[in-house]
Amino acid sequence: MAPKARTAAFTDEQIEIGLLLLISTAYPDAVGPDDGSEDAAIDEALAPLVGRHGFDEERIAPARAGALAARRAIENGSCPEVSAARIDAARADLLERWGASSSRGALVWPPASRTVAVRLGAGSWADALASRSIPVSRLGRARGSGRFGPERIASAVNEYLEHARARSHPATLGGYDRWVRQARAGGRTDLPSTATVRQRCGTWDGALALASDPR
């Protein structure tokens, strides 16, 4: 059976704003202080998040300020190279200050680096930042998966999904792992390993999202 489509927890705009907020949180000296700017579009994008996972009305103004400060730094060339590890550490600190909890991070705004990578970069942290003209730290680049780009990974996952569907098997990461091992034992060399899929997509849900929209 094909996996049931899921409704995205956040829009791409909300994810981008969250990333900008975390950049300003992670690199305050480089980004600079709030200059009091307003942006109705950011406020409108964040309004649906109020009341969810520790985010309330009072957090919109500081979130907007942080996002705008990071955007200015990107535009004027003062934004430093951004690493996924630094962003996730800043996110953990921010959520602790807000009193919000996140066991896996998938549904708590601002999103974790893996969500940013999957939604804005087809599984690649470097591509997600490049799509927003944000400098990426070499430490944040995926390792060991250069032979398998997003399109090839998406193709392999879709091939596995067809395999599982034809046999009425549940489509799981474990099932993908067994399928790949069997295919490689049979001589195939064009299928990314489970480790590569995890590295590029973060989670199995991320791999399914990439397979459904590999852009």
C-alpha atoms as a PDB file:
ATOM      1  CA  MET A   1       0.000   0.000   0.000  1.00  0.00           C
ATOM      2  CA  ALA A   2       1.297   3.442  -0.897  1.00  0.00           C
ATOM      3  CA  PRO A   3       2.120   5.695   2.063  1.00  0.00           C
ATOM      4  CA  LYS A   4      -0.648   8.109   2.932  1.00  0.00           C
ATOM      5  CA  ALA A   5       0.148  11.686   1.982  1.00  0.00           C
ATOM      6  CA  ARG A   6       0.724  13.961   4.950  1.00  0.00           C
ATOM      7  CA  THR A   7      -0.139  17.576   5.330  1.00  0.00           C
ATOM      8  CA  ALA A   8       3.004  19.620   5.906  1.00  0.00           C
ATOM      9  CA  ALA A   9       3.223  21.006   9.430  1.00  0.00           C
ATOM     10  CA  PHE A  10       4.704  24.288   8.174  1.00  0.00           C
ATOM     11  CA  THR A  11       4.681  26.233   4.949  1.00  0.00           C
ATOM     12  CA  ASP A  12       7.962  26.849   3.138  1.00  0.00           C
ATOM     13  CA  GLU A  13       7.675  30.505   4.148  1.00  0.00           C
ATOM     14  CA  GLN A  14       7.342  29.581   7.836  1.00  0.00           C
ATOM     15  CA  ILE A  15      10.362  27.295   7.536  1.00  0.00           C
ATOM     16  CA  GLU A  16      12.430  30.037   5.906  1.00  0.00           C
ATOM     17  CA  ILE A  17      11.440  32.565   8.581  1.00  0.00           C
ATOM     18  CA  GLY A  18      12.327  30.025  11.259  1.00  0.00           C
ATOM     19  CA  LEU A  19      15.720  29.460   9.681  1.00  0.00           C
ATOM     20  CA  LEU A  20      16.371  33.205   9.575  1.00  0.00           C
ATOM     21  CA  LEU A  21      15.383  33.527  13.236  1.00  0.00           C
ATOM     22  CA  LEU A  22      17.788  30.735  14.164  1.00  0.00           C
ATOM     23  CA  ILE A  23      20.598  32.346  12.170  1.00  0.00           C
ATOM     24  CA  SER A  24      20.148  35.540  14.170  1.00  0.00           C
ATOM     25  CA  THR A  25      20.051  33.480  17.378  1.00  0.00           C
ATOM     26  CA  ALA A  26      23.147  31.453  16.493  1.00  0.00           C
ATOM     27  CA  TYR A  27      25.240  34.343  15.145  1.00  0.00           C
ATOM     28  CA  PRO A  28      24.086  37.495  16.997  1.00  0.00           C
ATOM     29  CA  ASP A  29      27.363  39.403  16.668  1.00  0.00           C
ATOM     30  CA  ALA A  30      27.525  38.947  12.904  1.00  0.00           C
ATOM     31  CA  VAL A  31      23.825  39.521  12.258  1.00  0.00           C
ATOM     32  CA  GLY A  32      23.450  42.585  14.439  1.00  0.00           C
ATOM     33  CA  PRO A  33      20.614  43.963  16.561  1.00  0.00           C
ATOM     34  CA  ASP A  34      16.964  44.617  15.800  1.00  0.00           C
ATOM     35  CA  ASP A  35      16.478  47.933  13.987  1.00  0.00           C
ATOM     36  CA  GLY A  36      12.751  48.146  14.692  1.00  0.00           C
ATOM     37  CA  SER A  37      11.640  47.223  11.174  1.00  0.00           C
ATOM     38  CA  GLU A  38       8.140  45.921  10.542  1.00  0.00           C
ATOM     39  CA  ASP A  39       7.073  43.295   8.015  1.00  0.00           C
ATOM     40  CA  ALA A  40       3.396  42.442   7.748  1.00  0.00           C
ATOM     41  CA  ALA A  41       4.116  39.406   5.561  1.00  0.00           C
ATOM     42  CA  ILE A  42       6.168  37.781   8.317  1.00  0.00           C
ATOM     43  CA  ASP A  43       3.509  38.553  10.903  1.00  0.00           C
ATOM     44  CA  GLU A  44       0.861  37.034   8.632  1.00  0.00           C
ATOM     45  CA  ALA A  45       2.947  33.893   8.064  1.00  0.00           C
ATOM     46  CA  LEU A  46       3.557  33.405  11.798  1.00  0.00           C
ATOM     47  CA  ALA A  47      -0.009  34.105  12.965  1.00  0.00           C
ATOM     48  CA  PRO A  48      -1.243  30.509  12.320  1.00  0.00           C
ATOM     49  CA  LEU A  49       1.473  29.199  14.644  1.00  0.00           C
ATOM     50  CA  VAL A  50       0.160  31.066  17.688  1.00  0.00           C
ATOM     51  CA  GLY A  51      -1.034  28.679  20.372  1.00  0.00           C
ATOM     52  CA  ARG A  52       1.022  25.771  19.107  1.00  0.00           C
ATOM     53  CA  HIS A  53       4.043  24.236  20.866  1.00  0.00           C
ATOM     54  CA  GLY A  54       4.901  27.150  23.122  1.00  0.00           C
ATOM     55  CA  PHE A  55       4.607  29.834  20.433  1.00  0.00           C
ATOM     56  CA  ASP A  56       2.346  32.706  21.434  1.00  0.00           C
ATOM     57  CA  GLU A  57       1.391  36.175  20.238  1.00  0.00           C
ATOM     58  CA  GLU A  58       4.190  37.810  22.237  1.00  0.00           C
ATOM     59  CA  ARG A  59       6.796  35.836  20.293  1.00  0.00           C
ATOM     60  CA  ILE A  60       5.821  37.169  16.870  1.00  0.00           C
ATOM     61  CA  ALA A  61       7.590  40.527  17.300  1.00  0.00           C
ATOM     62  CA  PRO A  62      10.965  39.123  18.436  1.00  0.00           C
ATOM     63  CA  ALA A  63      10.756  36.342  15.826  1.00  0.00           C
ATOM     64  CA  ARG A  64      10.111  38.940  13.129  1.00  0.00           C
ATOM     65  CA  ALA A  65      12.969  41.090  14.383  1.00  0.00           C
ATOM     66  CA  GLY A  66      15.412  38.179  14.330  1.00  0.00           C
ATOM     67  CA  ALA A  67      14.332  37.067  10.873  1.00  0.00           C
ATOM     68  CA  LEU A  68      14.646  40.585   9.447  1.00  0.00           C
ATOM     69  CA  ALA A  69      18.068  41.073  11.034  1.00  0.00           C
ATOM     70  CA  ALA A  70      19.316  37.840   9.457  1.00  0.00           C
ATOM     71  CA  ARG A  71      17.807  38.791   6.107  1.00  0.00           C
ATOM     72  CA  ARG A  72      19.641  42.132   6.197  1.00  0.00           C
ATOM     73  CA  ALA A  73      22.905  40.367   7.010  1.00  0.00           C
ATOM     74  CA  ILE A  74      22.435  38.028   4.056  1.00  0.00           C
ATOM     75  CA  GLU A  75      21.647  40.899   1.719  1.00  0.00           C
ATOM     76  CA  ASN A  76      24.608  43.036   2.806  1.00  0.00           C
ATOM     77  CA  GLY A  77      27.078  40.150   2.849  1.00  0.00           C
ATOM     78  CA  SER A  78      27.743  40.091   6.584  1.00  0.00           C
ATOM     79  CA  CYS A  79      26.053  36.744   7.269  1.00  0.00           C
ATOM     80  CA  PRO A  80      28.642  34.154   8.307  1.00  0.00           C
ATOM     81  CA  GLU A  81      28.824  30.597   7.008  1.00  0.00           C
ATOM     82  CA  VAL A  82      25.944  28.729   8.652  1.00  0.00           C
ATOM     83  CA  SER A  83      26.282  25.187   9.981  1.00  0.00           C
ATOM     84  CA  ALA A  84      23.458  22.770  10.713  1.00  0.00           C
ATOM     85  CA  ALA A  85      24.961  21.908  14.109  1.00  0.00           C
ATOM     86  CA  ARG A  86      25.078  25.570  15.167  1.00  0.00           C
ATOM     87  CA  ILE A  87      21.470  26.066  14.031  1.00  0.00           C
ATOM     88  CA  ASP A  88      20.217  23.039  15.968  1.00  0.00           C
ATOM     89  CA  ALA A  89      22.073  24.171  19.096  1.00  0.00           C
ATOM     90  CA  ALA A  90      20.504  27.638  18.785  1.00  0.00           C
ATOM     91  CA  ARG A  91      17.093  26.045  18.309  1.00  0.00           C
ATOM     92  CA  ALA A  92      17.482  23.968  21.473  1.00  0.00           C
ATOM     93  CA  ASP A  93      18.416  27.079  23.451  1.00  0.00           C
ATOM     94  CA  LEU A  94      15.524  29.076  22.002  1.00  0.00           C
ATOM     95  CA  LEU A  95      12.936  26.374  22.744  1.00  0.00           C
ATOM     96  CA  GLU A  96      14.247  26.056  26.287  1.00  0.00           C
ATOM     97  CA  ARG A  97      13.823  29.807  26.780  1.00  0.00           C
ATOM     98  CA  TRP A  98      10.306  29.578  25.387  1.00  0.00           C
ATOM     99  CA  GLY A  99       9.453  26.636  27.609  1.00  0.00           C
ATOM    100  CA  ALA A 100       8.611  24.522  24.563  1.00  0.00           C
ATOM    101  CA  SER A 101       9.480  20.851  24.363  1.00  0.00           C
ATOM    102  CA  SER A 102      10.490  18.869  21.308  1.00  0.00           C
ATOM    103  CA  SER A 103      11.162  15.142  21.417  1.00  0.00           C
ATOM    104  CA  ARG A 104      11.791  14.787  17.690  1.00  0.00           C
ATOM    105  CA  GLY A 105      11.529  18.340  16.409  1.00  0.00           C
ATOM    106  CA  ALA A 106       9.228  17.633  13.477  1.00  0.00           C
ATOM    107  CA  LEU A 107       6.239  19.684  14.662  1.00  0.00           C
ATOM    108  CA  VAL A 108       7.824  22.424  16.741  1.00  0.00           C
ATOM    109  CA  TRP A 109       8.600  25.805  15.212  1.00  0.00           C
ATOM    110  CA  PRO A 110      11.228  26.925  14.380  1.00  0.00           C
ATOM    111  CA  PRO A 111      12.101  23.677  12.571  1.00  0.00           C
ATOM    112  CA  ALA A 112      15.301  21.696  12.992  1.00  0.00           C
ATOM    113  CA  SER A 113      18.030  21.644  10.354  1.00  0.00           C
ATOM    114  CA  ARG A 114      16.871  18.312   8.928  1.00  0.00           C
ATOM    115  CA  THR A 115      13.422  19.765   8.206  1.00  0.00           C
ATOM    116  CA  VAL A 116      15.021  22.788   6.547  1.00  0.00           C
ATOM    117  CA  ALA A 117      17.190  20.478   4.434  1.00  0.00           C
ATOM    118  CA  VAL A 118      14.304  18.291   3.304  1.00  0.00           C
ATOM    119  CA  ARG A 119      11.799  21.043   2.603  1.00  0.00           C
ATOM    120  CA  LEU A 120      14.060  23.732   1.142  1.00  0.00           C
ATOM    121  CA  GLY A 121      16.930  21.663  -0.258  1.00  0.00           C
ATOM    122  CA  ALA A 122      15.499  18.270  -1.276  1.00  0.00           C
ATOM    123  CA  GLY A 123      17.413  16.667   1.575  1.00  0.00           C
ATOM    124  CA  SER A 124      20.598  18.732   1.270  1.00  0.00           C
ATOM    125  CA  TRP A 125      21.486  21.327   3.893  1.00  0.00           C
ATOM    126  CA  ALA A 126      23.891  23.025   1.484  1.00  0.00           C
ATOM    127  CA  ASP A 127      21.249  23.207  -1.259  1.00  0.00           C
ATOM    128  CA  ALA A 128      18.641  24.556   1.175  1.00  0.00           C
ATOM    129  CA  LEU A 129      20.910  27.445   2.164  1.00  0.00           C
ATOM    130  CA  ALA A 130      22.069  28.067  -1.401  1.00  0.00           C
ATOM    131  CA  SER A 131      18.438  28.400  -2.511  1.00  0.00           C
ATOM    132  CA  ARG A 132      18.132  31.348  -0.083  1.00  0.00           C
ATOM    133  CA  SER A 133      21.589  32.816  -0.856  1.00  0.00           C
ATOM    134  CA  ILE A 134      22.815  31.910   2.646  1.00  0.00           C
ATOM    135  CA  PRO A 135      26.521  31.033   3.049  1.00  0.00           C
ATOM    136  CA  VAL A 136      26.904  27.412   4.146  1.00  0.00           C
ATOM    137  CA  SER A 137      29.627  26.097   6.417  1.00  0.00           C
ATOM    138  CA  ARG A 138      31.688  23.248   5.021  1.00  0.00           C
ATOM    139  CA  LEU A 139      31.010  21.513   8.331  1.00  0.00           C
ATOM    140  CA  GLY A 140      27.314  21.509   7.449  1.00  0.00           C
ATOM    141  CA  ARG A 141      27.687  19.701   4.135  1.00  0.00           C
ATOM    142  CA  ALA A 142      26.586  16.099   3.813  1.00  0.00           C
ATOM    143  CA  ARG A 143      29.470  13.645   3.808  1.00  0.00           C
ATOM    144  CA  GLY A 144      29.957  10.471   1.823  1.00  0.00           C
ATOM    145  CA  SER A 145      26.893  10.806  -0.420  1.00  0.00           C
ATOM    146  CA  GLY A 146      28.282  12.763  -3.348  1.00  0.00           C
ATOM    147  CA  ARG A 147      27.570   9.927  -5.808  1.00  0.00           C
ATOM    148  CA  PHE A 148      23.857  10.006  -4.977  1.00  0.00           C
ATOM    149  CA  GLY A 149      22.143  13.348  -5.482  1.00  0.00           C
ATOM    150  CA  PRO A 150      18.541  14.141  -4.527  1.00  0.00           C
ATOM    151  CA  GLU A 151      17.104  12.964  -7.851  1.00  0.00           C
ATOM    152  CA  ARG A 152      18.858   9.593  -7.646  1.00  0.00           C
ATOM    153  CA  ILE A 153      17.776   9.067  -4.046  1.00  0.00           C
ATOM    154  CA  ALA A 154      14.187  10.011  -4.918  1.00  0.00           C
ATOM    155  CA  SER A 155      14.249   7.573  -7.838  1.00  0.00           C
ATOM    156  CA  ALA A 156      15.543   4.734  -5.642  1.00  0.00           C
ATOM    157  CA  VAL A 157      12.948   5.352  -2.925  1.00  0.00           C
ATOM    158  CA  ASN A 158      10.169   5.446  -5.517  1.00  0.00           C
ATOM    159  CA  GLU A 159      11.426   2.186  -7.017  1.00  0.00           C
ATOM    160  CA  TYR A 160      11.335   0.616  -3.566  1.00  0.00           C
ATOM    161  CA  LEU A 161       7.819   1.989  -2.965  1.00  0.00           C
ATOM    162  CA  GLU A 162       6.643   0.307  -6.174  1.00  0.00           C
ATOM    163  CA  HIS A 163       8.313  -2.921  -5.028  1.00  0.00           C
ATOM    164  CA  ALA A 164       6.570  -2.769  -1.638  1.00  0.00           C
ATOM    165  CA  ARG A 165       3.219  -1.784  -3.166  1.00  0.00           C
ATOM    166  CA  ALA A 166       3.279  -4.690  -5.608  1.00  0.00           C
ATOM    167  CA  ARG A 167       3.752  -7.111  -2.717  1.00  0.00           C
ATOM    168  CA  SER A 168       1.355  -5.344  -0.327  1.00  0.00           C
ATOM    169  CA  HIS A 169       4.220  -4.766   2.073  1.00  0.00           C
ATOM    170  CA  PRO A 170       4.420  -1.719   4.347  1.00  0.00           C
ATOM    171  CA  ALA A 171       6.904   0.832   3.043  1.00  0.00           C
ATOM    172  CA  THR A 172       9.413   1.262   5.876  1.00  0.00           C
ATOM    173  CA  LEU A 173      13.055   2.203   6.262  1.00  0.00           C
ATOM    174  CA  GLY A 174      13.804  -1.359   7.361  1.00  0.00           C
ATOM    175  CA  GLY A 175      12.064  -2.661   4.265  1.00  0.00           C
ATOM    176  CA  TYR A 176      14.098  -0.308   2.104  1.00  0.00           C
ATOM    177  CA  ASP A 177      17.281  -1.533   3.778  1.00  0.00           C
ATOM    178  CA  ARG A 178      16.447  -5.190   3.056  1.00  0.00           C
ATOM    179  CA  TRP A 179      15.487  -4.368  -0.536  1.00  0.00           C
ATOM    180  CA  VAL A 180      18.719  -2.471  -1.179  1.00  0.00           C
ATOM    181  CA  ARG A 181      20.844  -5.239   0.332  1.00  0.00           C
ATOM    182  CA  GLN A 182      19.151  -7.851  -1.837  1.00  0.00           C
ATOM    183  CA  ALA A 183      19.491  -5.693  -4.949  1.00  0.00           C
ATOM    184  CA  ARG A 184      23.169  -5.023  -4.275  1.00  0.00           C
ATOM    185  CA  ALA A 185      23.784  -8.706  -3.684  1.00  0.00           C
ATOM    186  CA  GLY A 186      22.334  -9.205  -7.149  1.00  0.00           C
ATOM    187  CA  GLY A 187      24.868  -6.815  -8.639  1.00  0.00           C
ATOM    188  CA  ARG A 188      23.149  -3.419  -8.602  1.00  0.00           C
ATOM    189  CA  THR A 189      25.405  -0.476  -7.839  1.00  0.00           C
ATOM    190  CA  ASP A 190      23.016   2.410  -8.517  1.00  0.00           C
ATOM    191  CA  LEU A 191      21.055   2.335  -5.253  1.00  0.00           C
ATOM    192  CA  PRO A 192      21.943   4.545  -2.259  1.00  0.00           C
ATOM    193  CA  SER A 193      22.386   2.756   1.034  1.00  0.00           C
ATOM    194  CA  THR A 194      20.126   3.284   4.015  1.00  0.00           C
ATOM    195  CA  ALA A 195      22.931   5.290   5.649  1.00  0.00           C
ATOM    196  CA  THR A 196      23.074   7.631   2.650  1.00  0.00           C
ATOM    197  CA  VAL A 197      19.295   8.080   2.660  1.00  0.00           C
ATOM    198  CA  ARG A 198      19.418   8.953   6.355  1.00  0.00           C
ATOM    199  CA  GLN A 199      22.331  11.316   5.804  1.00  0.00           C
ATOM    200  CA  ARG A 200      20.608  13.188   2.981  1.00  0.00           C
ATOM    201  CA  CYS A 201      17.014  13.101   4.257  1.00  0.00           C
ATOM    202  CA  GLY A 202      17.303  12.873   8.048  1.00  0.00           C
ATOM    203  CA  THR A 203      14.302  10.574   8.524  1.00  0.00           C
ATOM    204  CA  TRP A 204      12.248   8.078   6.542  1.00  0.00           C
ATOM    205  CA  ASP A 205       9.475  10.673   6.366  1.00  0.00           C
ATOM    206  CA  GLY A 206      12.045  13.010   4.847  1.00  0.00           C
ATOM    207  CA  ALA A 207      12.915  10.367   2.255  1.00  0.00           C
ATOM    208  CA  LEU A 208       9.237   9.925   1.393  1.00  0.00           C
ATOM    209  CA  ALA A 209       8.842  13.689   1.067  1.00  0.00           C
ATOM    210  CA  LEU A 210      11.833  13.814  -1.268  1.00  0.00           C
ATOM    211  CA  ALA A 211      10.430  10.925  -3.331  1.00  0.00           C
ATOM    212  CA  SER A 212       7.121  12.714  -3.759  1.00  0.00           C
ATOM    213  CA  ASP A 213       8.731  16.025  -4.722  1.00  0.00           C
ATOM    214  CA  PRO A 214      12.434  15.738  -5.646  1.00  0.00           C
ATOM    215  CA  ARG A 215      12.803  19.377  -6.751  1.00  0.00           C
END
